[in-house]
Amino acid sequence: MPLDGRMIWTDIETFGLVPEESPTVEVGFIITDLNLIEIDRWDIRIWDSPMYDQHFEQMLKDTAHGDDTAAYVLNMHNQNGLWKAAQEEGFSLKEAEAQMNDWLESHGIRGGKEPMCGSSVGFDQSHIGYWWPSVAKRFHYRVVDVSSYKEYLAAKYPAHYADLEANWPKRDMHRALPDCEDTISEFKFYDQNFIGLLNPTVN
């Protein structure tokens, strides 16, 4: 499971939390080297009618009936423009799968050798695995999850961790590439501020 000198950062945006009930609306990848210098990036919007239209109509109905989760997701992607962008630009699930595979293949991401990197990346991994198994198979089953660092370091070094909120304001844009950027920035904060605590021999 080598990182192979690079990290493939992943983020998705969906209709909800459960893969089989919540199609993916946007996928983004950013590849960096191990110093977190960007190598390349790519994203895509997905809107596969009529299924996506039906999910959207159901979300409107659920929101009208007081479903707080549906209302949260509906409002979030209204504010950041994702619903509009996906409906105008979105590819079908099959087309998105082909384009993802083409882009990942162009960077030699194949054979299940490299981990998916991200924040709570098990969520992204489970949705991609459900909707696009051929894409999921390109990645190793292990992941690099920045959320694991967050939980451990916040508990182990609370005073140092407090600097994160002051010095690394998360944008919470809930769009694939900006969220990848935020995750990389967060990981960079941990790398610069905590790895020396955990292993003082590392420069």
N, C-alpha and C. Protein backbone atom coordinates (compact mmCIF):
# COMPACT_ATOMS: atom_id res chain seq x y z
N MET A 1 0.85 -1.19 0.00
CA MET A 1 0.00 0.00 0.00
C MET A 1 0.89 1.24 0.00
N PRO A 2 1.78 1.42 -0.99
CA PRO A 2 2.68 2.56 -0.97
C PRO A 2 1.96 3.85 -1.36
N LEU A 3 2.37 4.95 -0.71
CA LEU A 3 1.88 6.26 -1.16
C LEU A 3 2.54 6.66 -2.48
N ASP A 4 3.65 6.00 -2.82
CA ASP A 4 4.26 6.17 -4.14
C ASP A 4 4.63 7.62 -4.41
N GLY A 5 5.04 8.33 -3.35
CA GLY A 5 5.50 9.70 -3.52
C GLY A 5 4.41 10.72 -3.73
N ARG A 6 3.15 10.31 -3.56
CA ARG A 6 2.06 11.24 -3.80
C ARG A 6 0.84 10.83 -2.97
N MET A 7 -0.13 11.74 -2.91
CA MET A 7 -1.37 11.49 -2.18
C MET A 7 -2.53 11.88 -3.07
N ILE A 8 -3.55 11.02 -3.15
CA ILE A 8 -4.72 11.30 -3.97
C ILE A 8 -5.86 11.70 -3.05
N TRP A 9 -6.12 13.01 -2.99
CA TRP A 9 -7.14 13.56 -2.11
C TRP A 9 -8.49 13.52 -2.82
N THR A 10 -9.52 13.13 -2.08
CA THR A 10 -10.83 12.88 -2.68
C THR A 10 -11.91 13.54 -1.85
N ASP A 11 -12.90 14.11 -2.53
CA ASP A 11 -14.09 14.60 -1.84
C ASP A 11 -15.29 14.45 -2.77
N ILE A 12 -16.44 14.11 -2.18
CA ILE A 12 -17.67 14.03 -2.95
C ILE A 12 -18.76 14.83 -2.24
N GLU A 13 -19.77 15.21 -3.02
CA GLU A 13 -20.98 15.83 -2.48
C GLU A 13 -22.17 14.98 -2.94
N THR A 14 -23.12 14.75 -2.03
CA THR A 14 -24.20 13.81 -2.31
C THR A 14 -25.55 14.38 -1.87
N PHE A 15 -26.60 13.61 -2.16
CA PHE A 15 -27.93 13.95 -1.68
C PHE A 15 -28.10 13.67 -0.19
N GLY A 16 -27.25 12.83 0.38
CA GLY A 16 -27.40 12.46 1.78
C GLY A 16 -26.31 11.51 2.21
N LEU A 17 -26.57 10.79 3.31
CA LEU A 17 -25.52 10.02 3.96
C LEU A 17 -25.45 8.56 3.52
N VAL A 18 -26.57 7.98 3.14
CA VAL A 18 -26.62 6.54 2.84
C VAL A 18 -26.40 6.32 1.35
N PRO A 19 -25.35 5.59 0.96
CA PRO A 19 -25.01 5.47 -0.46
C PRO A 19 -26.17 5.04 -1.36
N GLU A 20 -26.89 3.98 -0.97
CA GLU A 20 -27.93 3.46 -1.85
C GLU A 20 -29.13 4.38 -1.96
N GLU A 21 -29.24 5.36 -1.06
CA GLU A 21 -30.36 6.30 -1.09
C GLU A 21 -29.93 7.70 -1.52
N SER A 22 -28.63 7.90 -1.72
CA SER A 22 -28.11 9.27 -1.88
C SER A 22 -27.09 9.34 -3.01
N PRO A 23 -27.53 9.54 -4.23
CA PRO A 23 -26.59 9.64 -5.35
C PRO A 23 -25.58 10.76 -5.16
N THR A 24 -24.44 10.58 -5.77
CA THR A 24 -23.36 11.57 -5.72
C THR A 24 -23.58 12.64 -6.77
N VAL A 25 -23.40 13.89 -6.37
CA VAL A 25 -23.65 15.03 -7.26
C VAL A 25 -22.35 15.64 -7.78
N GLU A 26 -21.26 15.51 -7.02
CA GLU A 26 -19.98 16.08 -7.43
C GLU A 26 -18.86 15.24 -6.87
N VAL A 27 -17.81 15.07 -7.67
CA VAL A 27 -16.60 14.36 -7.25
C VAL A 27 -15.40 15.21 -7.62
N GLY A 28 -14.43 15.28 -6.70
CA GLY A 28 -13.21 16.01 -6.99
C GLY A 28 -11.99 15.25 -6.50
N PHE A 29 -10.90 15.36 -7.24
CA PHE A 29 -9.61 14.79 -6.84
C PHE A 29 -8.53 15.86 -6.94
N ILE A 30 -7.65 15.89 -5.95
CA ILE A 30 -6.42 16.67 -6.04
C ILE A 30 -5.26 15.74 -5.72
N ILE A 31 -4.27 15.69 -6.58
CA ILE A 31 -3.07 14.90 -6.34
C ILE A 31 -1.97 15.84 -5.86
N THR A 32 -1.33 15.47 -4.74
CA THR A 32 -0.18 16.24 -4.26
C THR A 32 1.01 15.28 -4.09
N ASP A 33 2.20 15.88 -3.95
CA ASP A 33 3.34 15.07 -3.52
C ASP A 33 3.29 14.96 -2.00
N LEU A 34 4.28 14.31 -1.41
CA LEU A 34 4.25 14.10 0.04
C LEU A 34 4.53 15.37 0.82
N ASN A 35 4.98 16.42 0.15
CA ASN A 35 5.12 17.73 0.77
C ASN A 35 3.86 18.58 0.59
N LEU A 36 2.83 17.96 0.05
CA LEU A 36 1.51 18.56 -0.15
C LEU A 36 1.52 19.66 -1.20
N ILE A 37 2.47 19.57 -2.13
CA ILE A 37 2.50 20.46 -3.29
C ILE A 37 1.62 19.85 -4.36
N GLU A 38 0.70 20.65 -4.90
CA GLU A 38 -0.25 20.13 -5.85
C GLU A 38 0.40 19.71 -7.17
N ILE A 39 -0.03 18.56 -7.66
CA ILE A 39 0.41 18.04 -8.95
C ILE A 39 -0.67 18.22 -10.01
N ASP A 40 -1.90 17.90 -9.66
CA ASP A 40 -3.00 18.05 -10.61
C ASP A 40 -4.32 17.99 -9.84
N ARG A 41 -5.39 18.45 -10.49
CA ARG A 41 -6.72 18.39 -9.91
C ARG A 41 -7.75 18.16 -11.00
N TRP A 42 -8.91 17.66 -10.56
CA TRP A 42 -9.98 17.36 -11.53
C TRP A 42 -11.29 17.22 -10.77
N ASP A 43 -12.38 17.65 -11.40
CA ASP A 43 -13.69 17.44 -10.77
C ASP A 43 -14.76 17.28 -11.84
N ILE A 44 -15.93 16.82 -11.39
CA ILE A 44 -17.04 16.58 -12.30
C ILE A 44 -18.35 16.69 -11.54
N ARG A 45 -19.37 17.21 -12.23
CA ARG A 45 -20.73 17.23 -11.68
C ARG A 45 -21.51 16.07 -12.32
N ILE A 46 -22.47 15.52 -11.55
CA ILE A 46 -23.28 14.40 -12.01
C ILE A 46 -24.75 14.75 -11.85
N TRP A 47 -25.52 14.52 -12.91
CA TRP A 47 -26.98 14.65 -12.82
C TRP A 47 -27.59 13.69 -13.82
N ASP A 48 -28.05 12.55 -13.32
CA ASP A 48 -28.53 11.47 -14.16
C ASP A 48 -30.06 11.45 -14.11
N SER A 49 -30.69 12.14 -15.05
CA SER A 49 -32.15 12.18 -15.11
C SER A 49 -32.67 10.86 -15.72
N PRO A 50 -33.87 10.40 -15.31
CA PRO A 50 -34.82 11.08 -14.41
C PRO A 50 -34.60 10.77 -12.93
N MET A 51 -33.66 9.84 -12.61
CA MET A 51 -33.50 9.42 -11.22
C MET A 51 -33.14 10.60 -10.32
N TYR A 52 -32.21 11.45 -10.78
CA TYR A 52 -31.78 12.58 -9.96
C TYR A 52 -32.93 13.58 -9.78
N ASP A 53 -33.72 13.78 -10.82
CA ASP A 53 -34.87 14.68 -10.71
C ASP A 53 -35.83 14.16 -9.64
N GLN A 54 -36.02 12.86 -9.61
CA GLN A 54 -36.92 12.26 -8.62
C GLN A 54 -36.38 12.41 -7.21
N HIS A 55 -35.08 12.22 -7.03
CA HIS A 55 -34.46 12.41 -5.72
C HIS A 55 -34.61 13.87 -5.27
N PHE A 56 -34.42 14.78 -6.20
CA PHE A 56 -34.52 16.20 -5.86
C PHE A 56 -35.95 16.56 -5.47
N GLU A 57 -36.91 16.06 -6.22
CA GLU A 57 -38.31 16.31 -5.88
C GLU A 57 -38.67 15.74 -4.51
N GLN A 58 -38.12 14.56 -4.20
CA GLN A 58 -38.38 13.96 -2.89
C GLN A 58 -37.75 14.80 -1.78
N MET A 59 -36.57 15.34 -2.04
CA MET A 59 -35.93 16.20 -1.05
C MET A 59 -36.77 17.44 -0.79
N LEU A 60 -37.35 18.02 -1.84
CA LEU A 60 -38.23 19.18 -1.67
C LEU A 60 -39.44 18.81 -0.81
N LYS A 61 -40.02 17.63 -1.08
CA LYS A 61 -41.18 17.17 -0.30
C LYS A 61 -40.80 16.93 1.16
N ASP A 62 -39.65 16.27 1.37
CA ASP A 62 -39.21 15.97 2.73
C ASP A 62 -38.94 17.25 3.51
N THR A 63 -38.35 18.23 2.83
CA THR A 63 -38.09 19.52 3.48
C THR A 63 -39.40 20.19 3.88
N ALA A 64 -40.37 20.15 2.97
CA ALA A 64 -41.68 20.77 3.25
C ALA A 64 -42.38 20.09 4.42
N HIS A 65 -42.06 18.80 4.65
CA HIS A 65 -42.68 18.06 5.75
C HIS A 65 -41.83 18.07 7.02
N GLY A 66 -40.86 18.95 7.06
CA GLY A 66 -40.10 19.16 8.29
C GLY A 66 -38.90 18.27 8.49
N ASP A 67 -38.40 17.63 7.43
CA ASP A 67 -37.20 16.79 7.55
C ASP A 67 -35.97 17.71 7.62
N ASP A 68 -35.36 17.79 8.81
CA ASP A 68 -34.23 18.71 9.01
C ASP A 68 -33.02 18.34 8.17
N THR A 69 -32.76 17.04 8.01
CA THR A 69 -31.60 16.61 7.23
C THR A 69 -31.77 17.00 5.76
N ALA A 70 -32.94 16.73 5.21
CA ALA A 70 -33.21 17.11 3.82
C ALA A 70 -33.11 18.61 3.64
N ALA A 71 -33.64 19.36 4.60
CA ALA A 71 -33.59 20.83 4.52
C ALA A 71 -32.16 21.34 4.56
N TYR A 72 -31.35 20.71 5.41
CA TYR A 72 -29.94 21.12 5.53
C TYR A 72 -29.20 20.93 4.20
N VAL A 73 -29.35 19.73 3.61
CA VAL A 73 -28.64 19.45 2.36
C VAL A 73 -29.18 20.32 1.23
N LEU A 74 -30.50 20.48 1.17
CA LEU A 74 -31.11 21.31 0.13
C LEU A 74 -30.58 22.74 0.20
N ASN A 75 -30.60 23.32 1.39
CA ASN A 75 -30.16 24.71 1.56
C ASN A 75 -28.67 24.86 1.33
N MET A 76 -27.90 23.89 1.80
CA MET A 76 -26.44 23.94 1.64
C MET A 76 -26.05 24.04 0.18
N HIS A 77 -26.64 23.18 -0.66
CA HIS A 77 -26.25 23.16 -2.06
C HIS A 77 -27.00 24.20 -2.90
N ASN A 78 -28.06 24.78 -2.35
CA ASN A 78 -28.61 25.99 -2.97
C ASN A 78 -27.66 27.16 -2.78
N GLN A 79 -27.13 27.30 -1.58
CA GLN A 79 -26.25 28.43 -1.26
C GLN A 79 -24.93 28.36 -2.00
N ASN A 80 -24.37 27.15 -2.13
CA ASN A 80 -23.07 27.06 -2.80
C ASN A 80 -23.19 26.86 -4.31
N GLY A 81 -24.42 26.79 -4.81
CA GLY A 81 -24.64 26.72 -6.26
C GLY A 81 -24.51 25.35 -6.88
N LEU A 82 -24.36 24.31 -6.04
CA LEU A 82 -24.10 22.99 -6.62
C LEU A 82 -25.32 22.41 -7.33
N TRP A 83 -26.52 22.58 -6.77
CA TRP A 83 -27.70 22.05 -7.46
C TRP A 83 -27.80 22.61 -8.88
N LYS A 84 -27.65 23.93 -8.98
CA LYS A 84 -27.76 24.59 -10.30
C LYS A 84 -26.66 24.10 -11.23
N ALA A 85 -25.43 24.05 -10.72
CA ALA A 85 -24.31 23.63 -11.56
C ALA A 85 -24.48 22.19 -12.02
N ALA A 86 -24.92 21.32 -11.12
CA ALA A 86 -25.07 19.90 -11.49
C ALA A 86 -26.19 19.71 -12.50
N GLN A 87 -27.29 20.44 -12.32
CA GLN A 87 -28.41 20.30 -13.26
C GLN A 87 -28.03 20.83 -14.64
N GLU A 88 -27.18 21.85 -14.69
CA GLU A 88 -26.79 22.45 -15.97
C GLU A 88 -25.61 21.72 -16.63
N GLU A 89 -24.67 21.22 -15.80
CA GLU A 89 -23.42 20.67 -16.34
C GLU A 89 -23.29 19.17 -16.17
N GLY A 90 -24.19 18.56 -15.38
CA GLY A 90 -23.98 17.21 -14.92
C GLY A 90 -24.00 16.15 -16.00
N PHE A 91 -23.13 15.17 -15.82
CA PHE A 91 -23.05 14.00 -16.69
C PHE A 91 -23.84 12.85 -16.06
N SER A 92 -24.16 11.86 -16.85
CA SER A 92 -24.82 10.67 -16.31
C SER A 92 -23.83 9.90 -15.44
N LEU A 93 -24.36 8.98 -14.64
CA LEU A 93 -23.51 8.15 -13.80
C LEU A 93 -22.50 7.37 -14.64
N LYS A 94 -22.96 6.84 -15.77
CA LYS A 94 -22.06 6.06 -16.64
C LYS A 94 -20.99 6.94 -17.25
N GLU A 95 -21.37 8.13 -17.71
CA GLU A 95 -20.39 9.04 -18.30
C GLU A 95 -19.39 9.51 -17.25
N ALA A 96 -19.88 9.80 -16.05
CA ALA A 96 -18.98 10.24 -14.98
C ALA A 96 -17.98 9.13 -14.63
N GLU A 97 -18.46 7.90 -14.59
CA GLU A 97 -17.57 6.78 -14.29
C GLU A 97 -16.47 6.66 -15.34
N ALA A 98 -16.84 6.79 -16.60
CA ALA A 98 -15.84 6.70 -17.67
C ALA A 98 -14.82 7.82 -17.56
N GLN A 99 -15.28 9.04 -17.29
CA GLN A 99 -14.35 10.17 -17.19
C GLN A 99 -13.44 10.05 -15.98
N MET A 100 -13.99 9.58 -14.86
CA MET A 100 -13.15 9.38 -13.67
C MET A 100 -12.07 8.35 -13.95
N ASN A 101 -12.48 7.23 -14.55
CA ASN A 101 -11.50 6.20 -14.85
C ASN A 101 -10.43 6.69 -15.81
N ASP A 102 -10.83 7.47 -16.81
CA ASP A 102 -9.85 8.01 -17.76
C ASP A 102 -8.84 8.91 -17.06
N TRP A 103 -9.34 9.80 -16.17
CA TRP A 103 -8.44 10.73 -15.51
C TRP A 103 -7.51 10.00 -14.55
N LEU A 104 -8.06 9.10 -13.75
CA LEU A 104 -7.23 8.35 -12.81
C LEU A 104 -6.21 7.49 -13.56
N GLU A 105 -6.64 6.88 -14.67
CA GLU A 105 -5.73 6.08 -15.48
C GLU A 105 -4.59 6.92 -16.04
N SER A 106 -4.90 8.16 -16.42
CA SER A 106 -3.87 9.04 -16.98
C SER A 106 -2.77 9.34 -15.96
N HIS A 107 -3.08 9.18 -14.68
CA HIS A 107 -2.08 9.38 -13.62
C HIS A 107 -1.57 8.05 -13.06
N GLY A 108 -1.90 6.96 -13.72
CA GLY A 108 -1.41 5.67 -13.28
C GLY A 108 -2.01 5.17 -11.99
N ILE A 109 -3.21 5.66 -11.66
CA ILE A 109 -3.89 5.23 -10.44
C ILE A 109 -4.74 4.02 -10.80
N ARG A 110 -4.22 2.85 -10.46
CA ARG A 110 -4.87 1.59 -10.89
C ARG A 110 -4.37 0.46 -10.00
N GLY A 111 -5.10 -0.64 -10.05
CA GLY A 111 -4.62 -1.86 -9.41
C GLY A 111 -4.78 -1.90 -7.90
N GLY A 112 -5.50 -0.94 -7.32
CA GLY A 112 -5.72 -0.97 -5.88
C GLY A 112 -4.47 -0.81 -5.05
N LYS A 113 -3.50 -0.04 -5.54
CA LYS A 113 -2.22 0.08 -4.85
C LYS A 113 -2.11 1.31 -3.96
N GLU A 114 -2.86 2.36 -4.24
CA GLU A 114 -2.69 3.62 -3.51
C GLU A 114 -3.94 3.94 -2.70
N PRO A 115 -3.76 4.49 -1.49
CA PRO A 115 -4.91 4.80 -0.65
C PRO A 115 -5.62 6.07 -1.08
N MET A 116 -6.90 6.11 -0.83
CA MET A 116 -7.68 7.34 -0.98
C MET A 116 -7.41 8.20 0.25
N CYS A 117 -7.20 9.49 0.04
CA CYS A 117 -6.90 10.42 1.12
C CYS A 117 -8.03 11.44 1.23
N GLY A 118 -8.35 11.85 2.47
CA GLY A 118 -9.40 12.85 2.62
C GLY A 118 -9.80 13.02 4.07
N SER A 119 -10.92 13.69 4.27
CA SER A 119 -11.47 13.91 5.59
C SER A 119 -12.73 13.06 5.74
N SER A 120 -12.77 12.20 6.77
CA SER A 120 -13.85 11.21 6.90
C SER A 120 -14.02 10.48 5.57
N VAL A 121 -12.89 10.06 5.03
CA VAL A 121 -12.85 9.58 3.65
C VAL A 121 -13.55 8.23 3.48
N GLY A 122 -13.85 7.54 4.58
CA GLY A 122 -14.64 6.33 4.47
C GLY A 122 -16.01 6.60 3.86
N PHE A 123 -16.55 7.80 4.13
CA PHE A 123 -17.81 8.21 3.52
C PHE A 123 -17.68 8.27 2.01
N ASP A 124 -16.64 8.94 1.53
CA ASP A 124 -16.41 9.06 0.09
C ASP A 124 -16.16 7.68 -0.53
N GLN A 125 -15.37 6.89 0.16
CA GLN A 125 -15.03 5.56 -0.34
C GLN A 125 -16.28 4.69 -0.48
N SER A 126 -17.20 4.76 0.51
CA SER A 126 -18.39 3.93 0.46
C SER A 126 -19.33 4.34 -0.67
N HIS A 127 -19.48 5.65 -0.90
CA HIS A 127 -20.35 6.12 -1.98
C HIS A 127 -19.77 5.78 -3.35
N ILE A 128 -18.47 6.02 -3.51
CA ILE A 128 -17.83 5.70 -4.78
C ILE A 128 -17.90 4.20 -5.04
N GLY A 129 -17.68 3.40 -3.98
CA GLY A 129 -17.75 1.96 -4.13
C GLY A 129 -19.13 1.47 -4.53
N TYR A 130 -20.17 2.15 -4.05
CA TYR A 130 -21.54 1.74 -4.38
C TYR A 130 -21.91 2.13 -5.80
N TRP A 131 -21.63 3.38 -6.18
CA TRP A 131 -22.08 3.89 -7.48
C TRP A 131 -21.10 3.60 -8.60
N TRP A 132 -19.80 3.54 -8.27
CA TRP A 132 -18.78 3.34 -9.31
C TRP A 132 -17.73 2.33 -8.83
N PRO A 133 -18.08 1.06 -8.73
CA PRO A 133 -17.12 0.07 -8.22
C PRO A 133 -15.83 0.00 -9.02
N SER A 134 -15.90 0.28 -10.31
CA SER A 134 -14.68 0.23 -11.12
C SER A 134 -13.70 1.33 -10.71
N VAL A 135 -14.22 2.46 -10.24
CA VAL A 135 -13.37 3.54 -9.74
C VAL A 135 -12.79 3.16 -8.39
N ALA A 136 -13.64 2.63 -7.51
CA ALA A 136 -13.19 2.25 -6.17
C ALA A 136 -12.06 1.22 -6.23
N LYS A 137 -12.11 0.32 -7.21
CA LYS A 137 -11.10 -0.73 -7.31
C LYS A 137 -9.72 -0.19 -7.67
N ARG A 138 -9.66 1.03 -8.12
CA ARG A 138 -8.37 1.64 -8.42
C ARG A 138 -7.59 1.99 -7.16
N PHE A 139 -8.28 2.06 -6.02
CA PHE A 139 -7.66 2.47 -4.76
C PHE A 139 -7.49 1.27 -3.83
N HIS A 140 -6.53 1.39 -2.94
CA HIS A 140 -6.33 0.40 -1.89
C HIS A 140 -7.48 0.46 -0.90
N TYR A 141 -7.72 -0.63 -0.17
CA TYR A 141 -8.81 -0.61 0.82
C TYR A 141 -8.45 0.26 2.03
N ARG A 142 -7.16 0.48 2.28
CA ARG A 142 -6.75 1.39 3.34
C ARG A 142 -6.91 2.83 2.87
N VAL A 143 -7.02 3.74 3.84
CA VAL A 143 -7.17 5.15 3.52
C VAL A 143 -6.24 5.98 4.39
N VAL A 144 -6.03 7.22 4.00
CA VAL A 144 -5.39 8.22 4.85
C VAL A 144 -6.48 9.21 5.24
N ASP A 145 -6.92 9.12 6.49
CA ASP A 145 -8.06 9.90 6.95
C ASP A 145 -7.61 11.00 7.90
N VAL A 146 -7.71 12.24 7.45
CA VAL A 146 -7.30 13.38 8.27
C VAL A 146 -8.15 13.48 9.53
N SER A 147 -9.39 13.00 9.49
CA SER A 147 -10.25 13.04 10.67
C SER A 147 -9.68 12.22 11.82
N SER A 148 -8.93 11.16 11.50
CA SER A 148 -8.29 10.36 12.55
C SER A 148 -7.24 11.18 13.28
N TYR A 149 -6.47 11.96 12.53
CA TYR A 149 -5.50 12.86 13.16
C TYR A 149 -6.22 13.88 14.04
N LYS A 150 -7.31 14.41 13.52
CA LYS A 150 -8.07 15.42 14.26
C LYS A 150 -8.49 14.88 15.63
N GLU A 151 -9.10 13.69 15.64
CA GLU A 151 -9.62 13.13 16.88
C GLU A 151 -8.50 12.84 17.87
N TYR A 152 -7.43 12.24 17.40
CA TYR A 152 -6.33 11.87 18.29
C TYR A 152 -5.60 13.09 18.84
N LEU A 153 -5.25 14.01 17.95
CA LEU A 153 -4.44 15.15 18.37
C LEU A 153 -5.22 16.11 19.23
N ALA A 154 -6.53 16.25 18.98
CA ALA A 154 -7.35 17.11 19.82
C ALA A 154 -7.40 16.58 21.25
N ALA A 155 -7.42 15.25 21.39
CA ALA A 155 -7.44 14.65 22.73
C ALA A 155 -6.05 14.65 23.38
N LYS A 156 -5.02 14.41 22.59
CA LYS A 156 -3.67 14.26 23.13
C LYS A 156 -3.01 15.60 23.43
N TYR A 157 -3.23 16.59 22.55
CA TYR A 157 -2.57 17.89 22.69
C TYR A 157 -3.60 19.02 22.58
N PRO A 158 -4.52 19.12 23.53
CA PRO A 158 -5.62 20.08 23.38
C PRO A 158 -5.15 21.53 23.27
N ALA A 159 -4.10 21.92 23.98
CA ALA A 159 -3.65 23.31 23.92
C ALA A 159 -3.10 23.64 22.55
N HIS A 160 -2.31 22.73 21.98
CA HIS A 160 -1.77 22.96 20.64
C HIS A 160 -2.87 22.90 19.59
N TYR A 161 -3.79 21.95 19.80
CA TYR A 161 -4.86 21.79 18.84
C TYR A 161 -5.75 23.02 18.77
N ALA A 162 -5.87 23.74 19.88
CA ALA A 162 -6.71 24.94 19.91
C ALA A 162 -6.26 25.96 18.88
N ASP A 163 -4.97 25.93 18.53
CA ASP A 163 -4.46 26.86 17.51
C ASP A 163 -5.11 26.62 16.15
N LEU A 164 -5.60 25.40 15.94
CA LEU A 164 -6.19 25.08 14.64
C LEU A 164 -7.36 25.99 14.32
N GLU A 165 -8.27 26.16 15.26
CA GLU A 165 -9.45 26.97 15.03
C GLU A 165 -9.08 28.42 14.78
N ALA A 166 -8.03 28.89 15.47
CA ALA A 166 -7.62 30.29 15.32
C ALA A 166 -6.85 30.54 14.03
N ASN A 167 -6.05 29.56 13.63
CA ASN A 167 -5.13 29.78 12.51
C ASN A 167 -5.51 29.06 11.22
N TRP A 168 -6.50 28.19 11.30
CA TRP A 168 -6.93 27.47 10.11
C TRP A 168 -8.46 27.49 10.05
N PRO A 169 -9.04 28.61 9.60
CA PRO A 169 -10.51 28.69 9.54
C PRO A 169 -11.03 27.86 8.36
N LYS A 170 -11.81 26.84 8.66
CA LYS A 170 -12.38 26.00 7.62
C LYS A 170 -13.48 26.75 6.89
N ARG A 171 -13.50 26.67 5.56
CA ARG A 171 -14.45 27.46 4.77
C ARG A 171 -15.84 26.83 4.71
N ASP A 172 -15.91 25.50 4.86
CA ASP A 172 -17.20 24.81 4.82
C ASP A 172 -17.99 25.15 3.57
N MET A 173 -17.33 25.09 2.42
CA MET A 173 -18.01 25.40 1.16
C MET A 173 -18.85 24.23 0.65
N HIS A 174 -18.52 23.02 1.08
CA HIS A 174 -19.26 21.83 0.66
C HIS A 174 -19.31 21.69 -0.87
N ARG A 175 -18.15 21.99 -1.47
CA ARG A 175 -17.91 21.69 -2.88
C ARG A 175 -16.65 20.84 -2.93
N ALA A 176 -16.57 19.97 -3.91
CA ALA A 176 -15.55 18.92 -3.89
C ALA A 176 -14.12 19.46 -3.84
N LEU A 177 -13.75 20.32 -4.77
CA LEU A 177 -12.36 20.78 -4.80
C LEU A 177 -12.02 21.71 -3.63
N PRO A 178 -12.87 22.69 -3.29
CA PRO A 178 -12.57 23.50 -2.10
C PRO A 178 -12.45 22.67 -0.83
N ASP A 179 -13.29 21.63 -0.70
CA ASP A 179 -13.19 20.78 0.49
C ASP A 179 -11.90 19.97 0.48
N CYS A 180 -11.46 19.52 -0.69
CA CYS A 180 -10.14 18.89 -0.79
C CYS A 180 -9.05 19.86 -0.35
N GLU A 181 -9.13 21.09 -0.81
CA GLU A 181 -8.15 22.10 -0.43
C GLU A 181 -8.11 22.30 1.08
N ASP A 182 -9.29 22.37 1.69
CA ASP A 182 -9.36 22.55 3.14
C ASP A 182 -8.75 21.35 3.88
N THR A 183 -9.00 20.15 3.38
CA THR A 183 -8.44 18.96 4.02
C THR A 183 -6.92 18.94 3.91
N ILE A 184 -6.41 19.30 2.75
CA ILE A 184 -4.95 19.36 2.57
C ILE A 184 -4.36 20.41 3.50
N SER A 185 -5.01 21.56 3.60
CA SER A 185 -4.54 22.62 4.49
C SER A 185 -4.54 22.15 5.95
N GLU A 186 -5.59 21.44 6.34
CA GLU A 186 -5.67 20.92 7.70
C GLU A 186 -4.56 19.91 7.96
N PHE A 187 -4.35 19.01 7.01
CA PHE A 187 -3.29 18.01 7.17
C PHE A 187 -1.92 18.68 7.25
N LYS A 188 -1.73 19.73 6.48
CA LYS A 188 -0.47 20.47 6.52
C LYS A 188 -0.26 21.07 7.91
N PHE A 189 -1.34 21.58 8.52
CA PHE A 189 -1.26 22.12 9.88
C PHE A 189 -0.79 21.04 10.85
N TYR A 190 -1.36 19.85 10.76
CA TYR A 190 -0.95 18.76 11.64
C TYR A 190 0.50 18.37 11.38
N ASP A 191 0.86 18.31 10.11
CA ASP A 191 2.22 17.93 9.74
C ASP A 191 3.24 18.91 10.31
N GLN A 192 2.92 20.19 10.24
CA GLN A 192 3.85 21.23 10.69
C GLN A 192 3.88 21.40 12.20
N ASN A 193 2.76 21.10 12.87
CA ASN A 193 2.65 21.43 14.28
C ASN A 193 2.66 20.24 15.23
N PHE A 194 2.43 19.02 14.73
CA PHE A 194 2.31 17.89 15.63
C PHE A 194 3.30 16.77 15.36
N ILE A 195 3.74 16.60 14.16
CA ILE A 195 4.64 15.49 13.90
C ILE A 195 5.92 15.65 14.70
N GLY A 196 6.39 16.88 14.89
CA GLY A 196 7.57 17.11 15.73
C GLY A 196 7.32 16.72 17.16
N LEU A 197 6.08 16.87 17.64
CA LEU A 197 5.75 16.45 19.00
C LEU A 197 5.75 14.93 19.12
N LEU A 198 5.22 14.28 18.08
CA LEU A 198 5.12 12.84 18.11
C LEU A 198 6.47 12.18 17.88
N ASN A 199 7.29 12.80 17.06
CA ASN A 199 8.60 12.24 16.71
C ASN A 199 9.60 13.38 16.58
N PRO A 200 10.26 13.79 17.67
CA PRO A 200 11.14 14.97 17.63
C PRO A 200 12.30 14.83 16.67
N THR A 201 12.61 13.63 16.18
CA THR A 201 13.75 13.48 15.26
C THR A 201 13.37 13.89 13.85
N VAL A 202 12.08 14.07 13.59
CA VAL A 202 11.64 14.46 12.25
C VAL A 202 11.75 15.97 12.11
N ASN A 203 12.39 16.44 11.06
CA ASN A 203 12.52 17.88 10.82
C ASN A 203 11.31 18.40 10.10
